[in-house]
Amino acid sequence: MILGFDPGKDKCGIAVMSRDKNVSYHQVVASESAISTIQSLCKQFPVQLLVMGDQTTSKSWKQKLTQSLSPFIKIVQIDERFSSLEARTRYWQMYRRRDFLA
């Protein structure tokens, strides 16, 4: 399983996805709750890889995560400069508005 982490100053996005792209969990949480939420998800799911964005506050978040998680969970940072556009598309795929369907 892969845990996706979008770090932020006030809130963070977290998702757990299988390698065949089935999303098992997704949520936006307050930044103060992010580490405990991730630790809980790592107990609930067999997370082997944490993928996180490399922009807003990522350096300090990576340091916190490295200290808080099992050494068996690899942390990889990715370029997230255009991820908001990709996320918006994915959001509308997941939560298609019915009033647009006419």
PDB file of N, CA and C in Angstrom:
ATOM      1  N   MET A   1       0.837  -1.173   0.000  1.00  0.00           N
ATOM      2  CA  MET A   1       0.000   0.000   0.000  1.00  0.00           C
ATOM      3  C   MET A   1       0.885   1.241   0.000  1.00  0.00           C
ATOM      4  N   ILE A   2       0.349   2.285  -0.598  1.00  0.00           N
ATOM      5  CA  ILE A   2       1.044   3.568  -0.697  1.00  0.00           C
ATOM      6  C   ILE A   2       0.234   4.599   0.057  1.00  0.00           C
ATOM      7  N   LEU A   3       0.890   5.372   0.896  1.00  0.00           N
ATOM      8  CA  LEU A   3       0.232   6.459   1.601  1.00  0.00           C
ATOM      9  C   LEU A   3       0.681   7.752   0.936  1.00  0.00           C
ATOM     10  N   GLY A   4      -0.277   8.514   0.441  1.00  0.00           N
ATOM     11  CA  GLY A   4       0.013   9.812  -0.149  1.00  0.00           C
ATOM     12  C   GLY A   4      -0.197  10.884   0.892  1.00  0.00           C
ATOM     13  N   PHE A   5       0.737  11.809   0.973  1.00  0.00           N
ATOM     14  CA  PHE A   5       0.677  12.865   1.984  1.00  0.00           C
ATOM     15  C   PHE A   5       0.938  14.208   1.330  1.00  0.00           C
ATOM     16  N   ASP A   6      -0.027  15.097   1.446  1.00  0.00           N
ATOM     17  CA  ASP A   6       0.104  16.458   0.919  1.00  0.00           C
ATOM     18  C   ASP A   6       0.227  17.388   2.117  1.00  0.00           C
ATOM     19  N   PRO A   7       1.453  17.740   2.501  1.00  0.00           N
ATOM     20  CA  PRO A   7       1.662  18.528   3.714  1.00  0.00           C
ATOM     21  C   PRO A   7       1.286  19.991   3.526  1.00  0.00           C
ATOM     22  N   GLY A   8       0.819  20.570   4.613  1.00  0.00           N
ATOM     23  CA  GLY A   8       0.489  21.986   4.603  1.00  0.00           C
ATOM     24  C   GLY A   8       0.691  22.592   5.972  1.00  0.00           C
ATOM     25  N   LYS A   9       0.629  23.888   6.036  1.00  0.00           N
ATOM     26  CA  LYS A   9       0.836  24.597   7.306  1.00  0.00           C
ATOM     27  C   LYS A   9      -0.339  24.364   8.254  1.00  0.00           C
ATOM     28  N   ASP A  10      -1.562  24.458   7.724  1.00  0.00           N
ATOM     29  CA  ASP A  10      -2.756  24.336   8.563  1.00  0.00           C
ATOM     30  C   ASP A  10      -3.488  23.009   8.399  1.00  0.00           C
ATOM     31  N   LYS A  11      -3.446  22.444   7.201  1.00  0.00           N
ATOM     32  CA  LYS A  11      -4.138  21.181   6.946  1.00  0.00           C
ATOM     33  C   LYS A  11      -3.317  20.341   5.983  1.00  0.00           C
ATOM     34  N   CYS A  12      -3.578  19.040   6.038  1.00  0.00           N
ATOM     35  CA  CYS A  12      -2.824  18.089   5.218  1.00  0.00           C
ATOM     36  C   CYS A  12      -3.790  17.096   4.581  1.00  0.00           C
ATOM     37  N   GLY A  13      -3.493  16.717   3.361  1.00  0.00           N
ATOM     38  CA  GLY A  13      -4.257  15.684   2.691  1.00  0.00           C
ATOM     39  C   GLY A  13      -3.560  14.349   2.867  1.00  0.00           C
ATOM     40  N   ILE A  14      -4.348  13.309   3.149  1.00  0.00           N
ATOM     41  CA  ILE A  14      -3.796  11.980   3.349  1.00  0.00           C
ATOM     42  C   ILE A  14      -4.662  10.989   2.581  1.00  0.00           C
ATOM     43  N   ALA A  15      -4.024  10.082   1.881  1.00  0.00           N
ATOM     44  CA  ALA A  15      -4.760   9.037   1.160  1.00  0.00           C
ATOM     45  C   ALA A  15      -3.952   7.747   1.216  1.00  0.00           C
ATOM     46  N   VAL A  16      -4.674   6.625   1.233  1.00  0.00           N
ATOM     47  CA  VAL A  16      -4.040   5.315   1.169  1.00  0.00           C
ATOM     48  C   VAL A  16      -4.578   4.626  -0.075  1.00  0.00           C
ATOM     49  N   MET A  17      -3.648   4.111  -0.875  1.00  0.00           N
ATOM     50  CA  MET A  17      -4.018   3.510  -2.145  1.00  0.00           C
ATOM     51  C   MET A  17      -3.241   2.217  -2.341  1.00  0.00           C
ATOM     52  N   SER A  18      -3.922   1.222  -2.900  1.00  0.00           N
ATOM     53  CA  SER A  18      -3.230  -0.026  -3.223  1.00  0.00           C
ATOM     54  C   SER A  18      -2.450   0.163  -4.519  1.00  0.00           C
ATOM     55  N   ARG A  19      -1.587  -0.758  -4.819  1.00  0.00           N
ATOM     56  CA  ARG A  19      -0.781  -0.646  -6.035  1.00  0.00           C
ATOM     57  C   ARG A  19      -1.638  -0.751  -7.297  1.00  0.00           C
ATOM     58  N   ASP A  20      -2.852  -1.320  -7.177  1.00  0.00           N
ATOM     59  CA  ASP A  20      -3.750  -1.367  -8.340  1.00  0.00           C
ATOM     60  C   ASP A  20      -4.690  -0.154  -8.373  1.00  0.00           C
ATOM     61  N   LYS A  21      -4.329   0.892  -7.615  1.00  0.00           N
ATOM     62  CA  LYS A  21      -4.974   2.209  -7.636  1.00  0.00           C
ATOM     63  C   LYS A  21      -6.359   2.258  -7.001  1.00  0.00           C
ATOM     64  N   ASN A  22      -6.680   1.322  -6.121  1.00  0.00           N
ATOM     65  CA  ASN A  22      -7.914   1.396  -5.349  1.00  0.00           C
ATOM     66  C   ASN A  22      -7.657   2.238  -4.102  1.00  0.00           C
ATOM     67  N   VAL A  23      -8.453   3.287  -3.913  1.00  0.00           N
ATOM     68  CA  VAL A  23      -8.281   4.175  -2.766  1.00  0.00           C
ATOM     69  C   VAL A  23      -9.032   3.588  -1.576  1.00  0.00           C
ATOM     70  N   SER A  24      -8.305   3.335  -0.504  1.00  0.00           N
ATOM     71  CA  SER A  24      -8.887   2.754   0.708  1.00  0.00           C
ATOM     72  C   SER A  24      -9.246   3.816   1.741  1.00  0.00           C
ATOM     73  N   TYR A  25      -8.601   4.964   1.653  1.00  0.00           N
ATOM     74  CA  TYR A  25      -8.818   6.031   2.635  1.00  0.00           C
ATOM     75  C   TYR A  25      -8.405   7.348   2.003  1.00  0.00           C
ATOM     76  N   HIS A  26      -9.156   8.393   2.278  1.00  0.00           N
ATOM     77  CA  HIS A  26      -8.731   9.746   1.897  1.00  0.00           C
ATOM     78  C   HIS A  26      -9.413  10.739   2.816  1.00  0.00           C
ATOM     79  N   GLN A  27      -8.634  11.728   3.240  1.00  0.00           N
ATOM     80  CA  GLN A  27      -9.155  12.698   4.202  1.00  0.00           C
ATOM     81  C   GLN A  27      -8.234  13.921   4.248  1.00  0.00           C
ATOM     82  N   VAL A  28      -8.809  15.044   4.590  1.00  0.00           N
ATOM     83  CA  VAL A  28      -8.026  16.237   4.900  1.00  0.00           C
ATOM     84  C   VAL A  28      -8.098  16.386   6.416  1.00  0.00           C
ATOM     85  N   VAL A  29      -6.942  16.518   7.044  1.00  0.00           N
ATOM     86  CA  VAL A  29      -6.890  16.603   8.506  1.00  0.00           C
ATOM     87  C   VAL A  29      -6.130  17.859   8.911  1.00  0.00           C
ATOM     88  N   ALA A  30      -6.379  18.299  10.122  1.00  0.00           N
ATOM     89  CA  ALA A  30      -5.615  19.419  10.673  1.00  0.00           C
ATOM     90  C   ALA A  30      -4.150  19.000  10.789  1.00  0.00           C
ATOM     91  N   SER A  31      -3.256  19.916  10.545  1.00  0.00           N
ATOM     92  CA  SER A  31      -1.821  19.600  10.582  1.00  0.00           C
ATOM     93  C   SER A  31      -1.389  18.984  11.905  1.00  0.00           C
ATOM     94  N   GLU A  32      -2.007  19.428  12.998  1.00  0.00           N
ATOM     95  CA  GLU A  32      -1.641  18.886  14.311  1.00  0.00           C
ATOM     96  C   GLU A  32      -1.976  17.404  14.431  1.00  0.00           C
ATOM     97  N   SER A  33      -2.933  16.931  13.647  1.00  0.00           N
ATOM     98  CA  SER A  33      -3.367  15.529  13.718  1.00  0.00           C
ATOM     99  C   SER A  33      -2.705  14.638  12.676  1.00  0.00           C
ATOM    100  N   ALA A  34      -1.927  15.208  11.796  1.00  0.00           N
ATOM    101  CA  ALA A  34      -1.398  14.449  10.653  1.00  0.00           C
ATOM    102  C   ALA A  34      -0.523  13.270  11.066  1.00  0.00           C
ATOM    103  N   ILE A  35       0.422  13.486  11.954  1.00  0.00           N
ATOM    104  CA  ILE A  35       1.347  12.410  12.342  1.00  0.00           C
ATOM    105  C   ILE A  35       0.577  11.268  13.000  1.00  0.00           C
ATOM    106  N   SER A  36      -0.300  11.574  13.936  1.00  0.00           N
ATOM    107  CA  SER A  36      -1.040  10.503  14.612  1.00  0.00           C
ATOM    108  C   SER A  36      -1.976   9.780  13.641  1.00  0.00           C
ATOM    109  N   THR A  37      -2.555  10.511  12.693  1.00  0.00           N
ATOM    110  CA  THR A  37      -3.415   9.879  11.687  1.00  0.00           C
ATOM    111  C   THR A  37      -2.598   8.942  10.810  1.00  0.00           C
ATOM    112  N   ILE A  38      -1.426   9.375  10.386  1.00  0.00           N
ATOM    113  CA  ILE A  38      -0.559   8.542   9.551  1.00  0.00           C
ATOM    114  C   ILE A  38      -0.101   7.304  10.323  1.00  0.00           C
ATOM    115  N   GLN A  39       0.259   7.478  11.583  1.00  0.00           N
ATOM    116  CA  GLN A  39       0.676   6.330  12.394  1.00  0.00           C
ATOM    117  C   GLN A  39      -0.464   5.315  12.518  1.00  0.00           C
ATOM    118  N   SER A  40      -1.670   5.800  12.724  1.00  0.00           N
ATOM    119  CA  SER A  40      -2.842   4.931  12.831  1.00  0.00           C
ATOM    120  C   SER A  40      -3.096   4.187  11.512  1.00  0.00           C
ATOM    121  N   LEU A  41      -2.981   4.905  10.398  1.00  0.00           N
ATOM    122  CA  LEU A  41      -3.194   4.281   9.091  1.00  0.00           C
ATOM    123  C   LEU A  41      -2.131   3.225   8.789  1.00  0.00           C
ATOM    124  N   CYS A  42      -0.911   3.464   9.235  1.00  0.00           N
ATOM    125  CA  CYS A  42       0.161   2.484   9.024  1.00  0.00           C
ATOM    126  C   CYS A  42      -0.084   1.207   9.826  1.00  0.00           C
ATOM    127  N   LYS A  43      -0.820   1.305  10.922  1.00  0.00           N
ATOM    128  CA  LYS A  43      -1.202   0.117  11.693  1.00  0.00           C
ATOM    129  C   LYS A  43      -2.386  -0.599  11.036  1.00  0.00           C
ATOM    130  N   GLN A  44      -3.262   0.183  10.434  1.00  0.00           N
ATOM    131  CA  GLN A  44      -4.477  -0.357   9.822  1.00  0.00           C
ATOM    132  C   GLN A  44      -4.209  -0.985   8.451  1.00  0.00           C
ATOM    133  N   PHE A  45      -3.292  -0.406   7.686  1.00  0.00           N
ATOM    134  CA  PHE A  45      -2.984  -0.864   6.331  1.00  0.00           C
ATOM    135  C   PHE A  45      -1.498  -1.233   6.239  1.00  0.00           C
ATOM    136  N   PRO A  46      -1.144  -2.173   5.369  1.00  0.00           N
ATOM    137  CA  PRO A  46       0.271  -2.545   5.207  1.00  0.00           C
ATOM    138  C   PRO A  46       1.028  -1.534   4.332  1.00  0.00           C
ATOM    139  N   VAL A  47       1.191  -0.326   4.860  1.00  0.00           N
ATOM    140  CA  VAL A  47       1.852   0.751   4.119  1.00  0.00           C
ATOM    141  C   VAL A  47       3.339   0.457   4.005  1.00  0.00           C
ATOM    142  N   GLN A  48       3.853   0.503   2.780  1.00  0.00           N
ATOM    143  CA  GLN A  48       5.272   0.270   2.537  1.00  0.00           C
ATOM    144  C   GLN A  48       5.980   1.512   2.019  1.00  0.00           C
ATOM    145  N   LEU A  49       5.191   2.452   1.488  1.00  0.00           N
ATOM    146  CA  LEU A  49       5.769   3.638   0.865  1.00  0.00           C
ATOM    147  C   LEU A  49       4.910   4.854   1.197  1.00  0.00           C
ATOM    148  N   LEU A  50       5.550   5.937   1.596  1.00  0.00           N
ATOM    149  CA  LEU A  50       4.870   7.206   1.809  1.00  0.00           C
ATOM    150  C   LEU A  50       5.382   8.167   0.739  1.00  0.00           C
ATOM    151  N   VAL A  51       4.473   8.687  -0.036  1.00  0.00           N
ATOM    152  CA  VAL A  51       4.814   9.630  -1.098  1.00  0.00           C
ATOM    153  C   VAL A  51       4.282  10.989  -0.666  1.00  0.00           C
ATOM    154  N   MET A  52       5.133  11.994  -0.697  1.00  0.00           N
ATOM    155  CA  MET A  52       4.700  13.318  -0.263  1.00  0.00           C
ATOM    156  C   MET A  52       5.186  14.394  -1.222  1.00  0.00           C
ATOM    157  N   GLY A  53       4.433  15.486  -1.252  1.00  0.00           N
ATOM    158  CA  GLY A  53       4.809  16.616  -2.080  1.00  0.00           C
ATOM    159  C   GLY A  53       6.078  17.277  -1.573  1.00  0.00           C
ATOM    160  N   ASP A  54       6.715  18.028  -2.454  1.00  0.00           N
ATOM    161  CA  ASP A  54       8.004  18.643  -2.113  1.00  0.00           C
ATOM    162  C   ASP A  54       7.929  20.161  -1.975  1.00  0.00           C
ATOM    163  N   GLN A  55       6.733  20.700  -1.805  1.00  0.00           N
ATOM    164  CA  GLN A  55       6.617  22.155  -1.752  1.00  0.00           C
ATOM    165  C   GLN A  55       6.393  22.654  -0.321  1.00  0.00           C
ATOM    166  N   THR A  56       5.205  23.152  -0.017  1.00  0.00           N
ATOM    167  CA  THR A  56       4.900  23.827   1.239  1.00  0.00           C
ATOM    168  C   THR A  56       5.299  23.016   2.467  1.00  0.00           C
ATOM    169  N   THR A  57       6.179  23.531   3.246  1.00  0.00           N
ATOM    170  CA  THR A  57       6.636  22.970   4.525  1.00  0.00           C
ATOM    171  C   THR A  57       7.135  21.527   4.435  1.00  0.00           C
ATOM    172  N   SER A  58       7.458  21.057   3.254  1.00  0.00           N
ATOM    173  CA  SER A  58       7.809  19.636   3.087  1.00  0.00           C
ATOM    174  C   SER A  58       9.087  19.225   3.816  1.00  0.00           C
ATOM    175  N   LYS A  59      10.034  20.111   3.889  1.00  0.00           N
ATOM    176  CA  LYS A  59      11.304  19.763   4.530  1.00  0.00           C
ATOM    177  C   LYS A  59      11.099  19.416   6.008  1.00  0.00           C
ATOM    178  N   SER A  60      10.370  20.258   6.730  1.00  0.00           N
ATOM    179  CA  SER A  60      10.134  19.983   8.151  1.00  0.00           C
ATOM    180  C   SER A  60       9.226  18.772   8.340  1.00  0.00           C
ATOM    181  N   TRP A  61       8.251  18.596   7.431  1.00  0.00           N
ATOM    182  CA  TRP A  61       7.368  17.433   7.524  1.00  0.00           C
ATOM    183  C   TRP A  61       8.145  16.138   7.299  1.00  0.00           C
ATOM    184  N   LYS A  62       9.030  16.126   6.347  1.00  0.00           N
ATOM    185  CA  LYS A  62       9.805  14.901   6.087  1.00  0.00           C
ATOM    186  C   LYS A  62      10.622  14.532   7.310  1.00  0.00           C
ATOM    187  N   GLN A  63      11.196  15.529   7.957  1.00  0.00           N
ATOM    188  CA  GLN A  63      11.982  15.278   9.159  1.00  0.00           C
ATOM    189  C   GLN A  63      11.103  14.682  10.273  1.00  0.00           C
ATOM    190  N   LYS A  64       9.921  15.252  10.477  1.00  0.00           N
ATOM    191  CA  LYS A  64       8.997  14.735  11.496  1.00  0.00           C
ATOM    192  C   LYS A  64       8.563  13.305  11.180  1.00  0.00           C
ATOM    193  N   LEU A  65       8.243  13.051   9.925  1.00  0.00           N
ATOM    194  CA  LEU A  65       7.782  11.724   9.520  1.00  0.00           C
ATOM    195  C   LEU A  65       8.878  10.683   9.667  1.00  0.00           C
ATOM    196  N   THR A  66      10.093  11.042   9.311  1.00  0.00           N
ATOM    197  CA  THR A  66      11.221  10.126   9.428  1.00  0.00           C
ATOM    198  C   THR A  66      11.420   9.713  10.881  1.00  0.00           C
ATOM    199  N   GLN A  67      11.243  10.645  11.797  1.00  0.00           N
ATOM    200  CA  GLN A  67      11.400  10.362  13.223  1.00  0.00           C
ATOM    201  C   GLN A  67      10.234   9.560  13.782  1.00  0.00           C
ATOM    202  N   SER A  68       9.051   9.709  13.202  1.00  0.00           N
ATOM    203  CA  SER A  68       7.828   9.127  13.763  1.00  0.00           C
ATOM    204  C   SER A  68       7.444   7.764  13.205  1.00  0.00           C
ATOM    205  N   LEU A  69       7.922   7.428  12.017  1.00  0.00           N
ATOM    206  CA  LEU A  69       7.479   6.204  11.359  1.00  0.00           C
ATOM    207  C   LEU A  69       8.513   5.096  11.437  1.00  0.00           C
ATOM    208  N   SER A  70       8.029   3.912  11.230  1.00  0.00           N
ATOM    209  CA  SER A  70       8.892   2.732  11.200  1.00  0.00           C
ATOM    210  C   SER A  70       9.969   2.898  10.137  1.00  0.00           C
ATOM    211  N   PRO A  71      11.157   2.369  10.385  1.00  0.00           N
ATOM    212  CA  PRO A  71      12.212   2.455   9.362  1.00  0.00           C
ATOM    213  C   PRO A  71      11.887   1.617   8.119  1.00  0.00           C
ATOM    214  N   PHE A  72      10.830   0.813   8.184  1.00  0.00           N
ATOM    215  CA  PHE A  72      10.437  -0.025   7.048  1.00  0.00           C
ATOM    216  C   PHE A  72       9.564   0.719   6.045  1.00  0.00           C
ATOM    217  N   ILE A  73       9.181   1.947   6.384  1.00  0.00           N
ATOM    218  CA  ILE A  73       8.355   2.743   5.474  1.00  0.00           C
ATOM    219  C   ILE A  73       9.262   3.765   4.791  1.00  0.00           C
ATOM    220  N   LYS A  74       9.400   3.599   3.505  1.00  0.00           N
ATOM    221  CA  LYS A  74      10.236   4.501   2.709  1.00  0.00           C
ATOM    222  C   LYS A  74       9.451   5.783   2.431  1.00  0.00           C
ATOM    223  N   ILE A  75      10.124   6.930   2.521  1.00  0.00           N
ATOM    224  CA  ILE A  75       9.509   8.226   2.235  1.00  0.00           C
ATOM    225  C   ILE A  75      10.139   8.782   0.960  1.00  0.00           C
ATOM    226  N   VAL A  76       9.288   9.101  -0.005  1.00  0.00           N
ATOM    227  CA  VAL A  76       9.734   9.643  -1.283  1.00  0.00           C
ATOM    228  C   VAL A  76       9.038  10.983  -1.499  1.00  0.00           C
ATOM    229  N   GLN A  77       9.796  11.975  -1.908  1.00  0.00           N
ATOM    230  CA  GLN A  77       9.212  13.279  -2.233  1.00  0.00           C
ATOM    231  C   GLN A  77       9.070  13.406  -3.745  1.00  0.00           C
ATOM    232  N   ILE A  78       7.941  14.008  -4.167  1.00  0.00           N
ATOM    233  CA  ILE A  78       7.691  14.195  -5.589  1.00  0.00           C
ATOM    234  C   ILE A  78       7.385  15.661  -5.880  1.00  0.00           C
ATOM    235  N   ASP A  79       7.637  16.053  -7.094  1.00  0.00           N
ATOM    236  CA  ASP A  79       7.341  17.403  -7.564  1.00  0.00           C
ATOM    237  C   ASP A  79       5.833  17.575  -7.613  1.00  0.00           C
ATOM    238  N   GLU A  80       5.317  18.526  -6.869  1.00  0.00           N
ATOM    239  CA  GLU A  80       3.867  18.709  -6.800  1.00  0.00           C
ATOM    240  C   GLU A  80       3.396  20.049  -7.387  1.00  0.00           C
ATOM    241  N   ARG A  81       4.190  20.643  -8.247  1.00  0.00           N
ATOM    242  CA  ARG A  81       3.843  21.966  -8.761  1.00  0.00           C
ATOM    243  C   ARG A  81       2.509  22.015  -9.498  1.00  0.00           C
ATOM    244  N   PHE A  82       2.088  20.952 -10.156  1.00  0.00           N
ATOM    245  CA  PHE A  82       0.827  20.970 -10.905  1.00  0.00           C
ATOM    246  C   PHE A  82      -0.201  20.013 -10.317  1.00  0.00           C
ATOM    247  N   SER A  83       0.021  19.586  -9.094  1.00  0.00           N
ATOM    248  CA  SER A  83      -0.853  18.579  -8.494  1.00  0.00           C
ATOM    249  C   SER A  83      -2.253  19.106  -8.182  1.00  0.00           C
ATOM    250  N   SER A  84      -2.413  20.399  -7.971  1.00  0.00           N
ATOM    251  CA  SER A  84      -3.755  20.934  -7.689  1.00  0.00           C
ATOM    252  C   SER A  84      -4.688  20.733  -8.872  1.00  0.00           C
ATOM    253  N   LEU A  85      -4.164  20.920 -10.071  1.00  0.00           N
ATOM    254  CA  LEU A  85      -4.989  20.696 -11.266  1.00  0.00           C
ATOM    255  C   LEU A  85      -5.347  19.223 -11.409  1.00  0.00           C
ATOM    256  N   GLU A  86      -4.382  18.349 -11.157  1.00  0.00           N
ATOM    257  CA  GLU A  86      -4.643  16.914 -11.233  1.00  0.00           C
ATOM    258  C   GLU A  86      -5.630  16.492 -10.151  1.00  0.00           C
ATOM    259  N   ALA A  87      -5.494  17.049  -8.960  1.00  0.00           N
ATOM    260  CA  ALA A  87      -6.390  16.714  -7.857  1.00  0.00           C
ATOM    261  C   ALA A  87      -7.815  17.183  -8.142  1.00  0.00           C
ATOM    262  N   ARG A  88      -7.954  18.325  -8.740  1.00  0.00           N
ATOM    263  CA  ARG A  88      -9.286  18.828  -9.076  1.00  0.00           C
ATOM    264  C   ARG A  88      -9.988  17.874 -10.046  1.00  0.00           C
ATOM    265  N   THR A  89      -9.263  17.412 -11.039  1.00  0.00           N
ATOM    266  CA  THR A  89      -9.822  16.450 -12.000  1.00  0.00           C
ATOM    267  C   THR A  89     -10.230  15.167 -11.293  1.00  0.00           C
ATOM    268  N   ARG A  90      -9.362  14.672 -10.430  1.00  0.00           N
ATOM    269  CA  ARG A  90      -9.660  13.434  -9.688  1.00  0.00           C
ATOM    270  C   ARG A  90     -10.864  13.633  -8.775  1.00  0.00           C
ATOM    271  N   TYR A  91     -10.956  14.789  -8.131  1.00  0.00           N
ATOM    272  CA  TYR A  91     -12.083  15.085  -7.243  1.00  0.00           C
ATOM    273  C   TYR A  91     -13.408  14.976  -8.001  1.00  0.00           C
ATOM    274  N   TRP A  92     -13.467  15.579  -9.179  1.00  0.00           N
ATOM    275  CA  TRP A  92     -14.712  15.555  -9.944  1.00  0.00           C
ATOM    276  C   TRP A  92     -15.027  14.160 -10.463  1.00  0.00           C
ATOM    277  N   GLN A  93     -14.000  13.346 -10.650  1.00  0.00           N
ATOM    278  CA  GLN A  93     -14.250  11.949 -11.019  1.00  0.00           C
ATOM    279  C   GLN A  93     -14.865  11.193  -9.842  1.00  0.00           C
ATOM    280  N   MET A  94     -14.395  11.476  -8.652  1.00  0.00           N
ATOM    281  CA  MET A  94     -14.873  10.787  -7.462  1.00  0.00           C
ATOM    282  C   MET A  94     -16.230  11.317  -6.993  1.00  0.00           C
ATOM    283  N   TYR A  95     -16.456  12.608  -7.136  1.00  0.00           N
ATOM    284  CA  TYR A  95     -17.667  13.249  -6.608  1.00  0.00           C
ATOM    285  C   TYR A  95     -18.395  14.006  -7.714  1.00  0.00           C
ATOM    286  N   ARG A  96     -18.777  13.298  -8.715  1.00  0.00           N
ATOM    287  CA  ARG A  96     -19.462  13.894  -9.857  1.00  0.00           C
ATOM    288  C   ARG A  96     -20.766  14.556  -9.400  1.00  0.00           C
ATOM    289  N   ARG A  97     -20.922  15.823  -9.750  1.00  0.00           N
ATOM    290  CA  ARG A  97     -22.134  16.551  -9.365  1.00  0.00           C
ATOM    291  C   ARG A  97     -23.275  16.152 -10.282  1.00  0.00           C
ATOM    292  N   ARG A  98     -24.375  15.794  -9.690  1.00  0.00           N
ATOM    293  CA  ARG A  98     -25.527  15.323 -10.443  1.00  0.00           C
ATOM    294  C   ARG A  98     -26.243  16.440 -11.186  1.00  0.00           C
ATOM    295  N   ASP A  99     -26.174  17.670 -10.682  1.00  0.00           N
ATOM    296  CA  ASP A  99     -26.882  18.756 -11.348  1.00  0.00           C
ATOM    297  C   ASP A  99     -26.214  19.183 -12.655  1.00  0.00           C
ATOM    298  N   PHE A 100     -24.957  18.724 -12.877  1.00  0.00           N
ATOM    299  CA  PHE A 100     -24.285  18.997 -14.144  1.00  0.00           C
ATOM    300  C   PHE A 100     -24.664  17.979 -15.217  1.00  0.00           C
ATOM    301  N   LEU A 101     -25.208  16.877 -14.784  1.00  0.00           N
ATOM    302  CA  LEU A 101     -25.578  15.794 -15.702  1.00  0.00           C
ATOM    303  C   LEU A 101     -26.988  16.049 -16.216  1.00  0.00           C
ATOM    304  N   ALA A 102     -27.094  16.561 -17.390  1.00  0.00           N
ATOM    305  CA  ALA A 102     -28.440  16.831 -17.931  1.00  0.00           C
ATOM    306  C   ALA A 102     -28.518  16.418 -19.371  1.00  0.00           C
TER     307      ALA A 102
END
